Each structure stands twice: as structure tokens, then as C-alpha cells.
Amino acid sequence: MLDNANLIVTARRGDGELIGVARCFTDFSWSCYLSELAVSPRAQGLGIGKGLLDETRRQLGPTVSLILASVPEAVGFYERVGMARINEAFWYKRER
């Protein structure tokens, strides 16, 4: 999963412990698909997820759209950080 991602943003504690990761696929020109946003349960609620999104957007620049598919439990988080829902999305569901 990590080998084929071309943009990975991490959050670490002062001692180097990994507490958050944003894993993306992008052309750095038009769009970026955020396939994974994960924050350690102990670090949730501290702004780590928003910080990962902000840094991802900073690295992409203002002309690249950031797109993701949310699990139902995280929809509220994405709405709170200002992401807009889209209806015009399509997918082929994984077979396994």
C-alpha cells in the first residue's frame, strides 16, 4: 500500500512515534485521491487529522482537487473540516 502511494504525509510525536498518516495518489496537477487518513485512537480529537489534511493540501497547491471516499463513521469529521459532499461520484465495488 505504501510502495505505490506517491504522496504520504505523516504526523509524529516528539519521540518519533507515528500517530497519523495520509496516503494519497495524485498527478500533482488536477486531482489527488486520499485513500487513507488514519490517526491513532490516543491522538484523535487533537487536530491531527485536520493537520494532515492541511499539509496534504499545502503540498498539492491550490489547483489540485482533494477527493476521498469516507467510511460512514467519519462523515461528520470531513464536514466539520469544511469538505463538501459530492453526488457526482461513481465506483466499481471491489469484488473481494
PDB file of N, CA and C in Angstrom:
ATOM      1  N   MET A   1       0.820  -1.196   0.000  1.00  0.00           N
ATOM      2  CA  MET A   1       0.000   0.000   0.000  1.00  0.00           C
ATOM      3  C   MET A   1       0.861   1.255   0.000  1.00  0.00           C
ATOM      4  N   LEU A   2       1.910   1.241   0.796  1.00  0.00           N
ATOM      5  CA  LEU A   2       2.764   2.427   0.862  1.00  0.00           C
ATOM      6  C   LEU A   2       3.665   2.547  -0.365  1.00  0.00           C
ATOM      7  N   ASP A   3       4.115   1.430  -0.886  1.00  0.00           N
ATOM      8  CA  ASP A   3       5.029   1.458  -2.027  1.00  0.00           C
ATOM      9  C   ASP A   3       4.431   2.146  -3.251  1.00  0.00           C
ATOM     10  N   ASN A   4       3.130   2.047  -3.438  1.00  0.00           N
ATOM     11  CA  ASN A   4       2.512   2.584  -4.643  1.00  0.00           C
ATOM     12  C   ASN A   4       1.849   3.939  -4.447  1.00  0.00           C
ATOM     13  N   ALA A   5       1.850   4.458  -3.236  1.00  0.00           N
ATOM     14  CA  ALA A   5       1.329   5.805  -2.996  1.00  0.00           C
ATOM     15  C   ALA A   5       2.406   6.805  -3.403  1.00  0.00           C
ATOM     16  N   ASN A   6       1.998   7.921  -4.011  1.00  0.00           N
ATOM     17  CA  ASN A   6       3.015   8.888  -4.408  1.00  0.00           C
ATOM     18  C   ASN A   6       2.989  10.175  -3.584  1.00  0.00           C
ATOM     19  N   LEU A   7       2.129  10.234  -2.571  1.00  0.00           N
ATOM     20  CA  LEU A   7       2.168  11.326  -1.598  1.00  0.00           C
ATOM     21  C   LEU A   7       1.752  10.752  -0.252  1.00  0.00           C
ATOM     22  N   ILE A   8       2.665  10.779   0.683  1.00  0.00           N
ATOM     23  CA  ILE A   8       2.383  10.296   2.035  1.00  0.00           C
ATOM     24  C   ILE A   8       2.775  11.400   3.007  1.00  0.00           C
ATOM     25  N   VAL A   9       1.831  11.776   3.866  1.00  0.00           N
ATOM     26  CA  VAL A   9       2.071  12.803   4.885  1.00  0.00           C
ATOM     27  C   VAL A   9       1.891  12.119   6.235  1.00  0.00           C
ATOM     28  N   THR A  10       2.829  12.327   7.153  1.00  0.00           N
ATOM     29  CA  THR A  10       2.743  11.684   8.458  1.00  0.00           C
ATOM     30  C   THR A  10       2.751  12.706   9.580  1.00  0.00           C
ATOM     31  N   ALA A  11       2.240  12.265  10.718  1.00  0.00           N
ATOM     32  CA  ALA A  11       2.298  13.051  11.956  1.00  0.00           C
ATOM     33  C   ALA A  11       2.986  12.180  12.995  1.00  0.00           C
ATOM     34  N   ARG A  12       3.945  12.759  13.682  1.00  0.00           N
ATOM     35  CA  ARG A  12       4.696  12.010  14.686  1.00  0.00           C
ATOM     36  C   ARG A  12       4.801  12.819  15.978  1.00  0.00           C
ATOM     37  N   ARG A  13       4.861  12.100  17.075  1.00  0.00           N
ATOM     38  CA  ARG A  13       5.128  12.740  18.364  1.00  0.00           C
ATOM     39  C   ARG A  13       6.596  13.151  18.405  1.00  0.00           C
ATOM     40  N   GLY A  14       6.974  13.915  19.405  1.00  0.00           N
ATOM     41  CA  GLY A  14       8.352  14.371  19.551  1.00  0.00           C
ATOM     42  C   GLY A  14       9.359  13.237  19.616  1.00  0.00           C
ATOM     43  N   ASP A  15       8.933  12.079  20.131  1.00  0.00           N
ATOM     44  CA  ASP A  15       9.848  10.941  20.233  1.00  0.00           C
ATOM     45  C   ASP A  15       9.897  10.106  18.950  1.00  0.00           C
ATOM     46  N   GLY A  16       9.173  10.560  17.901  1.00  0.00           N
ATOM     47  CA  GLY A  16       9.187   9.854  16.625  1.00  0.00           C
ATOM     48  C   GLY A  16       8.061   8.867  16.423  1.00  0.00           C
ATOM     49  N   GLU A  17       7.249   8.634  17.458  1.00  0.00           N
ATOM     50  CA  GLU A  17       6.138   7.689  17.325  1.00  0.00           C
ATOM     51  C   GLU A  17       5.153   8.183  16.259  1.00  0.00           C
ATOM     52  N   LEU A  18       4.815   7.308  15.326  1.00  0.00           N
ATOM     53  CA  LEU A  18       3.849   7.621  14.279  1.00  0.00           C
ATOM     54  C   LEU A  18       2.448   7.658  14.876  1.00  0.00           C
ATOM     55  N   ILE A  19       1.746   8.791  14.700  1.00  0.00           N
ATOM     56  CA  ILE A  19       0.390   8.899  15.247  1.00  0.00           C
ATOM     57  C   ILE A  19      -0.648   9.220  14.176  1.00  0.00           C
ATOM     58  N   GLY A  20      -0.208   9.489  12.947  1.00  0.00           N
ATOM     59  CA  GLY A  20      -1.169   9.769  11.887  1.00  0.00           C
ATOM     60  C   GLY A  20      -0.532   9.671  10.522  1.00  0.00           C
ATOM     61  N   VAL A  21      -1.368   9.316   9.527  1.00  0.00           N
ATOM     62  CA  VAL A  21      -0.870   9.201   8.162  1.00  0.00           C
ATOM     63  C   VAL A  21      -1.978   9.539   7.175  1.00  0.00           C
ATOM     64  N   ALA A  22      -1.590  10.228   6.111  1.00  0.00           N
ATOM     65  CA  ALA A  22      -2.468  10.481   4.965  1.00  0.00           C
ATOM     66  C   ALA A  22      -1.772   9.848   3.757  1.00  0.00           C
ATOM     67  N   ARG A  23      -2.446   8.907   3.102  1.00  0.00           N
ATOM     68  CA  ARG A  23      -1.862   8.186   1.963  1.00  0.00           C
ATOM     69  C   ARG A  23      -2.638   8.555   0.716  1.00  0.00           C
ATOM     70  N   CYS A  24      -1.934   9.061  -0.309  1.00  0.00           N
ATOM     71  CA  CYS A  24      -2.592   9.636  -1.478  1.00  0.00           C
ATOM     72  C   CYS A  24      -1.998   9.147  -2.797  1.00  0.00           C
ATOM     73  N   PHE A  25      -2.798   9.308  -3.833  1.00  0.00           N
ATOM     74  CA  PHE A  25      -2.392   9.082  -5.217  1.00  0.00           C
ATOM     75  C   PHE A  25      -2.752  10.340  -5.987  1.00  0.00           C
ATOM     76  N   THR A  26      -1.771  10.936  -6.664  1.00  0.00           N
ATOM     77  CA  THR A  26      -2.037  12.202  -7.326  1.00  0.00           C
ATOM     78  C   THR A  26      -1.190  12.385  -8.575  1.00  0.00           C
ATOM     79  N   ASP A  27      -1.662  13.234  -9.458  1.00  0.00           N
ATOM     80  CA  ASP A  27      -0.869  13.643 -10.619  1.00  0.00           C
ATOM     81  C   ASP A  27      -0.202  14.992 -10.358  1.00  0.00           C
ATOM     82  N   PHE A  28      -0.442  15.574  -9.180  1.00  0.00           N
ATOM     83  CA  PHE A  28       0.100  16.879  -8.777  1.00  0.00           C
ATOM     84  C   PHE A  28      -0.290  17.990  -9.751  1.00  0.00           C
ATOM     85  N   SER A  29      -1.351  17.763 -10.503  1.00  0.00           N
ATOM     86  CA  SER A  29      -1.776  18.751 -11.483  1.00  0.00           C
ATOM     87  C   SER A  29      -3.277  19.014 -11.405  1.00  0.00           C
ATOM     88  N   TRP A  30      -4.076  17.961 -11.366  1.00  0.00           N
ATOM     89  CA  TRP A  30      -5.526  18.105 -11.457  1.00  0.00           C
ATOM     90  C   TRP A  30      -6.253  17.575 -10.225  1.00  0.00           C
ATOM     91  N   SER A  31      -5.875  16.366  -9.782  1.00  0.00           N
ATOM     92  CA  SER A  31      -6.604  15.772  -8.666  1.00  0.00           C
ATOM     93  C   SER A  31      -5.699  14.901  -7.804  1.00  0.00           C
ATOM     94  N   CYS A  32      -6.172  14.689  -6.596  1.00  0.00           N
ATOM     95  CA  CYS A  32      -5.498  13.820  -5.637  1.00  0.00           C
ATOM     96  C   CYS A  32      -6.564  12.991  -4.947  1.00  0.00           C
ATOM     97  N   TYR A  33      -6.373  11.677  -4.927  1.00  0.00           N
ATOM     98  CA  TYR A  33      -7.282  10.796  -4.208  1.00  0.00           C
ATOM     99  C   TYR A  33      -6.638  10.433  -2.878  1.00  0.00           C
ATOM    100  N   LEU A  34      -7.289  10.809  -1.803  1.00  0.00           N
ATOM    101  CA  LEU A  34      -6.818  10.478  -0.458  1.00  0.00           C
ATOM    102  C   LEU A  34      -7.423   9.122  -0.101  1.00  0.00           C
ATOM    103  N   SER A  35      -6.603   8.089  -0.160  1.00  0.00           N
ATOM    104  CA  SER A  35      -7.119   6.744   0.050  1.00  0.00           C
ATOM    105  C   SER A  35      -7.141   6.345   1.520  1.00  0.00           C
ATOM    106  N   GLU A  36      -6.368   7.016   2.331  1.00  0.00           N
ATOM    107  CA  GLU A  36      -6.293   6.649   3.739  1.00  0.00           C
ATOM    108  C   GLU A  36      -5.975   7.866   4.580  1.00  0.00           C
ATOM    109  N   LEU A  37      -6.790   8.132   5.580  1.00  0.00           N
ATOM    110  CA  LEU A  37      -6.472   9.121   6.607  1.00  0.00           C
ATOM    111  C   LEU A  37      -6.664   8.402   7.926  1.00  0.00           C
ATOM    112  N   ALA A  38      -5.583   8.175   8.636  1.00  0.00           N
ATOM    113  CA  ALA A  38      -5.655   7.406   9.880  1.00  0.00           C
ATOM    114  C   ALA A  38      -4.920   8.143  10.984  1.00  0.00           C
ATOM    115  N   VAL A  39      -5.567   8.190  12.148  1.00  0.00           N
ATOM    116  CA  VAL A  39      -4.976   8.815  13.330  1.00  0.00           C
ATOM    117  C   VAL A  39      -5.108   7.819  14.478  1.00  0.00           C
ATOM    118  N   SER A  40      -4.031   7.644  15.209  1.00  0.00           N
ATOM    119  CA  SER A  40      -4.030   6.748  16.359  1.00  0.00           C
ATOM    120  C   SER A  40      -5.190   7.115  17.297  1.00  0.00           C
ATOM    121  N   PRO A  41      -5.899   6.115  17.818  1.00  0.00           N
ATOM    122  CA  PRO A  41      -7.009   6.413  18.740  1.00  0.00           C
ATOM    123  C   PRO A  41      -6.593   7.320  19.898  1.00  0.00           C
ATOM    124  N   ARG A  42      -5.363   7.176  20.382  1.00  0.00           N
ATOM    125  CA  ARG A  42      -4.887   8.016  21.506  1.00  0.00           C
ATOM    126  C   ARG A  42      -4.690   9.462  21.104  1.00  0.00           C
ATOM    127  N   ALA A  43      -4.556   9.729  19.788  1.00  0.00           N
ATOM    128  CA  ALA A  43      -4.301  11.097  19.323  1.00  0.00           C
ATOM    129  C   ALA A  43      -5.520  11.735  18.670  1.00  0.00           C
ATOM    130  N   GLN A  44      -6.624  11.010  18.617  1.00  0.00           N
ATOM    131  CA  GLN A  44      -7.820  11.572  17.995  1.00  0.00           C
ATOM    132  C   GLN A  44      -8.389  12.693  18.861  1.00  0.00           C
ATOM    133  N   GLY A  45      -8.949  13.695  18.192  1.00  0.00           N
ATOM    134  CA  GLY A  45      -9.507  14.844  18.897  1.00  0.00           C
ATOM    135  C   GLY A  45      -8.482  15.937  19.182  1.00  0.00           C
ATOM    136  N   LEU A  46      -7.257  15.767  18.706  1.00  0.00           N
ATOM    137  CA  LEU A  46      -6.200  16.752  18.949  1.00  0.00           C
ATOM    138  C   LEU A  46      -5.887  17.600  17.725  1.00  0.00           C
ATOM    139  N   GLY A  47      -6.641  17.427  16.646  1.00  0.00           N
ATOM    140  CA  GLY A  47      -6.403  18.199  15.434  1.00  0.00           C
ATOM    141  C   GLY A  47      -5.415  17.561  14.475  1.00  0.00           C
ATOM    142  N   ILE A  48      -5.007  16.322  14.745  1.00  0.00           N
ATOM    143  CA  ILE A  48      -4.021  15.646  13.901  1.00  0.00           C
ATOM    144  C   ILE A  48      -4.587  15.394  12.500  1.00  0.00           C
ATOM    145  N   GLY A  49      -5.810  14.900  12.409  1.00  0.00           N
ATOM    146  CA  GLY A  49      -6.426  14.639  11.107  1.00  0.00           C
ATOM    147  C   GLY A  49      -6.537  15.902  10.274  1.00  0.00           C
ATOM    148  N   LYS A  50      -6.998  16.978  10.880  1.00  0.00           N
ATOM    149  CA  LYS A  50      -7.093  18.253  10.159  1.00  0.00           C
ATOM    150  C   LYS A  50      -5.718  18.734   9.741  1.00  0.00           C
ATOM    151  N   GLY A  51      -4.737  18.565  10.601  1.00  0.00           N
ATOM    152  CA  GLY A  51      -3.378  18.946  10.267  1.00  0.00           C
ATOM    153  C   GLY A  51      -2.829  18.152   9.089  1.00  0.00           C
ATOM    154  N   LEU A  52      -3.128  16.863   9.043  1.00  0.00           N
ATOM    155  CA  LEU A  52      -2.705  16.038   7.911  1.00  0.00           C
ATOM    156  C   LEU A  52      -3.366  16.503   6.619  1.00  0.00           C
ATOM    157  N   LEU A  53      -4.655  16.817   6.691  1.00  0.00           N
ATOM    158  CA  LEU A  53      -5.357  17.330   5.510  1.00  0.00           C
ATOM    159  C   LEU A  53      -4.768  18.667   5.072  1.00  0.00           C
ATOM    160  N   ASP A  54      -4.522  19.550   6.024  1.00  0.00           N
ATOM    161  CA  ASP A  54      -3.964  20.869   5.696  1.00  0.00           C
ATOM    162  C   ASP A  54      -2.589  20.742   5.032  1.00  0.00           C
ATOM    163  N   GLU A  55      -1.739  19.867   5.570  1.00  0.00           N
ATOM    164  CA  GLU A  55      -0.401  19.696   4.996  1.00  0.00           C
ATOM    165  C   GLU A  55      -0.475  19.037   3.622  1.00  0.00           C
ATOM    166  N   THR A  56      -1.379  18.089   3.463  1.00  0.00           N
ATOM    167  CA  THR A  56      -1.566  17.465   2.148  1.00  0.00           C
ATOM    168  C   THR A  56      -1.963  18.526   1.131  1.00  0.00           C
ATOM    169  N   ARG A  57      -2.922  19.361   1.479  1.00  0.00           N
ATOM    170  CA  ARG A  57      -3.372  20.424   0.569  1.00  0.00           C
ATOM    171  C   ARG A  57      -2.256  21.421   0.294  1.00  0.00           C
ATOM    172  N   ARG A  58      -1.446  21.734   1.292  1.00  0.00           N
ATOM    173  CA  ARG A  58      -0.326  22.656   1.092  1.00  0.00           C
ATOM    174  C   ARG A  58       0.659  22.079   0.077  1.00  0.00           C
ATOM    175  N   GLN A  59       0.955  20.791   0.208  1.00  0.00           N
ATOM    176  CA  GLN A  59       1.901  20.165  -0.716  1.00  0.00           C
ATOM    177  C   GLN A  59       1.340  20.056  -2.131  1.00  0.00           C
ATOM    178  N   LEU A  60       0.031  19.909  -2.249  1.00  0.00           N
ATOM    179  CA  LEU A  60      -0.597  19.802  -3.570  1.00  0.00           C
ATOM    180  C   LEU A  60      -0.707  21.147  -4.263  1.00  0.00           C
ATOM    181  N   GLY A  61      -0.928  22.195  -3.500  1.00  0.00           N
ATOM    182  CA  GLY A  61      -1.151  23.511  -4.079  1.00  0.00           C
ATOM    183  C   GLY A  61      -2.623  23.755  -4.352  1.00  0.00           C
ATOM    184  N   PRO A  62      -2.977  24.997  -4.657  1.00  0.00           N
ATOM    185  CA  PRO A  62      -4.387  25.384  -4.758  1.00  0.00           C
ATOM    186  C   PRO A  62      -5.105  24.906  -6.014  1.00  0.00           C
ATOM    187  N   THR A  63      -4.394  24.376  -6.991  1.00  0.00           N
ATOM    188  CA  THR A  63      -5.053  23.974  -8.243  1.00  0.00           C
ATOM    189  C   THR A  63      -5.385  22.488  -8.307  1.00  0.00           C
ATOM    190  N   VAL A  64      -5.066  21.734  -7.245  1.00  0.00           N
ATOM    191  CA  VAL A  64      -5.323  20.291  -7.230  1.00  0.00           C
ATOM    192  C   VAL A  64      -6.495  19.987  -6.299  1.00  0.00           C
ATOM    193  N   SER A  65      -7.498  19.294  -6.824  1.00  0.00           N
ATOM    194  CA  SER A  65      -8.654  18.896  -6.012  1.00  0.00           C
ATOM    195  C   SER A  65      -8.291  17.693  -5.149  1.00  0.00           C
ATOM    196  N   LEU A  66      -8.746  17.696  -3.897  1.00  0.00           N
ATOM    197  CA  LEU A  66      -8.545  16.573  -2.990  1.00  0.00           C
ATOM    198  C   LEU A  66      -9.866  15.824  -2.866  1.00  0.00           C
ATOM    199  N   ILE A  67      -9.844  14.539  -3.175  1.00  0.00           N
ATOM    200  CA  ILE A  67     -11.056  13.714  -3.249  1.00  0.00           C
ATOM    201  C   ILE A  67     -10.873  12.509  -2.340  1.00  0.00           C
ATOM    202  N   LEU A  68     -11.934  12.090  -1.666  1.00  0.00           N
ATOM    203  CA  LEU A  68     -11.868  10.885  -0.847  1.00  0.00           C
ATOM    204  C   LEU A  68     -13.233  10.239  -0.733  1.00  0.00           C
ATOM    205  N   ALA A  69     -13.228   8.991  -0.352  1.00  0.00           N
ATOM    206  CA  ALA A  69     -14.450   8.262  -0.016  1.00  0.00           C
ATOM    207  C   ALA A  69     -14.390   7.983   1.481  1.00  0.00           C
ATOM    208  N   SER A  70     -15.404   8.411   2.193  1.00  0.00           N
ATOM    209  CA  SER A  70     -15.406   8.302   3.647  1.00  0.00           C
ATOM    210  C   SER A  70     -16.151   7.064   4.133  1.00  0.00           C
ATOM    211  N   VAL A  71     -15.667   6.493   5.227  1.00  0.00           N
ATOM    212  CA  VAL A  71     -16.458   5.495   5.931  1.00  0.00           C
ATOM    213  C   VAL A  71     -17.565   6.258   6.656  1.00  0.00           C
ATOM    214  N   PRO A  72     -18.714   5.631   6.863  1.00  0.00           N
ATOM    215  CA  PRO A  72     -19.840   6.356   7.488  1.00  0.00           C
ATOM    216  C   PRO A  72     -19.488   7.021   8.820  1.00  0.00           C
ATOM    217  N   GLU A  73     -18.650   6.390   9.618  1.00  0.00           N
ATOM    218  CA  GLU A  73     -18.307   6.936  10.936  1.00  0.00           C
ATOM    219  C   GLU A  73     -17.497   8.225  10.869  1.00  0.00           C
ATOM    220  N   ALA A  74     -16.883   8.519   9.735  1.00  0.00           N
ATOM    221  CA  ALA A  74     -16.014   9.697   9.630  1.00  0.00           C
ATOM    222  C   ALA A  74     -16.646  10.858   8.875  1.00  0.00           C
ATOM    223  N   VAL A  75     -17.859  10.696   8.386  1.00  0.00           N
ATOM    224  CA  VAL A  75     -18.507  11.748   7.592  1.00  0.00           C
ATOM    225  C   VAL A  75     -18.562  13.069   8.358  1.00  0.00           C
ATOM    226  N   GLY A  76     -18.929  13.032   9.607  1.00  0.00           N
ATOM    227  CA  GLY A  76     -19.021  14.248  10.417  1.00  0.00           C
ATOM    228  C   GLY A  76     -17.699  14.982  10.512  1.00  0.00           C
ATOM    229  N   PHE A  77     -16.602  14.236  10.631  1.00  0.00           N
ATOM    230  CA  PHE A  77     -15.280  14.866  10.690  1.00  0.00           C
ATOM    231  C   PHE A  77     -15.008  15.653   9.421  1.00  0.00           C
ATOM    232  N   TYR A  78     -15.233  15.030   8.259  1.00  0.00           N
ATOM    233  CA  TYR A  78     -14.944  15.704   6.995  1.00  0.00           C
ATOM    234  C   TYR A  78     -15.842  16.926   6.790  1.00  0.00           C
ATOM    235  N   GLU A  79     -17.078  16.841   7.247  1.00  0.00           N
ATOM    236  CA  GLU A  79     -17.960  18.013   7.167  1.00  0.00           C
ATOM    237  C   GLU A  79     -17.454  19.129   8.080  1.00  0.00           C
ATOM    238  N   ARG A  80     -17.005  18.774   9.284  1.00  0.00           N
ATOM    239  CA  ARG A  80     -16.509  19.787  10.231  1.00  0.00           C
ATOM    240  C   ARG A  80     -15.264  20.500   9.732  1.00  0.00           C
ATOM    241  N   VAL A  81     -14.416  19.800   8.975  1.00  0.00           N
ATOM    242  CA  VAL A  81     -13.196  20.454   8.488  1.00  0.00           C
ATOM    243  C   VAL A  81     -13.431  21.216   7.192  1.00  0.00           C
ATOM    244  N   GLY A  82     -14.673  21.227   6.707  1.00  0.00           N
ATOM    245  CA  GLY A  82     -15.024  22.062   5.564  1.00  0.00           C
ATOM    246  C   GLY A  82     -15.041  21.377   4.209  1.00  0.00           C
ATOM    247  N   MET A  83     -14.957  20.061   4.181  1.00  0.00           N
ATOM    248  CA  MET A  83     -15.032  19.367   2.889  1.00  0.00           C
ATOM    249  C   MET A  83     -16.490  19.296   2.443  1.00  0.00           C
ATOM    250  N   ALA A  84     -16.711  19.436   1.157  1.00  0.00           N
ATOM    251  CA  ALA A  84     -18.061  19.389   0.596  1.00  0.00           C
ATOM    252  C   ALA A  84     -18.377  17.976   0.105  1.00  0.00           C
ATOM    253  N   ARG A  85     -19.625  17.581   0.292  1.00  0.00           N
ATOM    254  CA  ARG A  85     -20.083  16.301  -0.272  1.00  0.00           C
ATOM    255  C   ARG A  85     -20.292  16.469  -1.765  1.00  0.00           C
ATOM    256  N   ILE A  86     -20.068  15.382  -2.501  1.00  0.00           N
ATOM    257  CA  ILE A  86     -20.350  15.403  -3.932  1.00  0.00           C
ATOM    258  C   ILE A  86     -21.281  14.256  -4.277  1.00  0.00           C
ATOM    259  N   ASN A  87     -22.189  14.509  -5.184  1.00  0.00           N
ATOM    260  CA  ASN A  87     -23.104  13.473  -5.634  1.00  0.00           C
ATOM    261  C   ASN A  87     -22.627  12.814  -6.917  1.00  0.00           C
ATOM    262  N   GLU A  88     -21.772  13.484  -7.639  1.00  0.00           N
ATOM    263  CA  GLU A  88     -21.370  13.030  -8.964  1.00  0.00           C
ATOM    264  C   GLU A  88     -20.172  12.101  -8.906  1.00  0.00           C
ATOM    265  N   ALA A  89     -20.189  11.147  -8.001  1.00  0.00           N
ATOM    266  CA  ALA A  89     -19.084  10.202  -7.864  1.00  0.00           C
ATOM    267  C   ALA A  89     -19.588   8.803  -8.227  1.00  0.00           C
ATOM    268  N   PHE A  90     -18.710   8.016  -8.809  1.00  0.00           N
ATOM    269  CA  PHE A  90     -19.067   6.659  -9.247  1.00  0.00           C
ATOM    270  C   PHE A  90     -17.932   5.712  -8.887  1.00  0.00           C
ATOM    271  N   TRP A  91     -18.273   4.423  -8.785  1.00  0.00           N
ATOM    272  CA  TRP A  91     -17.255   3.444  -8.481  1.00  0.00           C
ATOM    273  C   TRP A  91     -17.677   2.068  -8.897  1.00  0.00           C
ATOM    274  N   TYR A  92     -16.692   1.223  -9.148  1.00  0.00           N
ATOM    275  CA  TYR A  92     -16.897  -0.217  -9.282  1.00  0.00           C
ATOM    276  C   TYR A  92     -16.489  -0.803  -7.942  1.00  0.00           C
ATOM    277  N   LYS A  93     -17.427  -1.447  -7.271  1.00  0.00           N
ATOM    278  CA  LYS A  93     -17.161  -2.013  -5.967  1.00  0.00           C
ATOM    279  C   LYS A  93     -16.147  -3.152  -6.071  1.00  0.00           C
ATOM    280  N   ARG A  94     -15.277  -3.249  -5.107  1.00  0.00           N
ATOM    281  CA  ARG A  94     -14.314  -4.354  -5.056  1.00  0.00           C
ATOM    282  C   ARG A  94     -15.048  -5.683  -5.003  1.00  0.00           C
ATOM    283  N   GLU A  95     -14.542  -6.669  -5.654  1.00  0.00           N
ATOM    284  CA  GLU A  95     -15.160  -7.992  -5.648  1.00  0.00           C
ATOM    285  C   GLU A  95     -14.816  -8.782  -4.412  1.00  0.00           C
ATOM    286  N   ARG A  96     -13.711  -8.444  -3.789  1.00  0.00           N
ATOM    287  CA  ARG A  96     -13.298  -9.165  -2.571  1.00  0.00           C
ATOM    288  C   ARG A  96     -12.839  -8.221  -1.518  1.00  0.00           C
TER     289      ARG A  96
END
